[in-house]
Amino acid sequence: MEPNLSVNIGKLRLKNPVLVASGCFGYGQEYAELIDLSMLGGIILKGITLKERKGNPPPRIVETSSGMLNAIGLQNMGLSRFLKEKLPLLSDIPTTIIANICGETPEEYATIARELSNKEGIDALEINVSCPNVSHGGMLFGQDMMLTFEVVNQVRKATTLPLIVKLSPNVTDIVPIAQAAVDGGANAISLINTLLGMALDIESRKPCLSNITGGLSGPAIKPVALKMVRDVCKFVTVPVIGQGGIMTWEDSLEFLLVGATAVCIGTANFVNPKAGVEIIEGIRDYMKQRKMVKMGEIRM
């Protein structure tokens, strides 16, 4: 019997548990000539802010041992241009589309969410709480329970779309942050975002990134991500989307084993544009070999 790979994230039903991460897959169309987009469980779009952002000056990406650092600075075209230029194209992509939203205040998040609600082509929202809150001295929303609750709660009031909250790992204990997101109205938790890091050029004696520090992603962070996903899965009652260093189907299975409902593929897309499709095939083959019928049977 062919296994059923579909999963539910709140009222959102995915054809399979493999998503591609925000910032690592553009707006979907960029990969259309490389892979069959209909094979993916869903695409999480490049982050959207209320106003257009130019991002940080280059260099803003550098390869590291078993990973990469990025300090893009949330470069994007802003909400207005997104609605005019990108949104009309999304309905042609044959899979679930999730918009990633970023803001400097809870009100900005809510405004973006309200504008995206009921728009054809948007099936759910992912809230990036790894953004600095300008009204609290630049503290990241996701580093404080109350700030996390506040931003999620305001977005929840602004939209009926399914809400996924993407958490930062740069905290002492991620579990209470995850619970605060759930209390605020999150339908799912996604983790982890990138870890903070830096790299130096010993010849120039300067940082490799113009921003000095950046977000570390890739295989190097997988053990940290896996531990955090397991911790959160044990305590929250909503689905968890695991990500961080997933490069192969074997990697993805580790996250599914510890309780993740779905997985999200980020840096791997830069190395191998077909990574998502290959991971789906690997999960299917693993289940067939073990005569598993439903995704839930993978969990330990």
Foldseek 3Di string as FASTA:
>chain_A
DFAQQWFDLDPDIFSHQEEADAPFCALPPVCVVPDQLLLGREYEHHEAFQAADQFDDDPAWDADVQWIFGRRRSGDHHLVCCVVPPLVVLLVRNHAYEYEYEYQALVRLLVSLLVPAPRPNHQAYEYEQQFFNVVVVGDGLQQDLVSLLSSLLSNVVRYPHAYEYEHEPPYPANQSNVVSNVVSPHSEYEDDWFDKDWAADPVVRGTNGPVRIGGIAAQVCLVVQLVNLLVNQVPDDHAYEGEGHDQALVSQLSSLQSGHRHYYHHPNCVVPVCRSSRNRVVVSVVCVVVVHHYSNVSHD
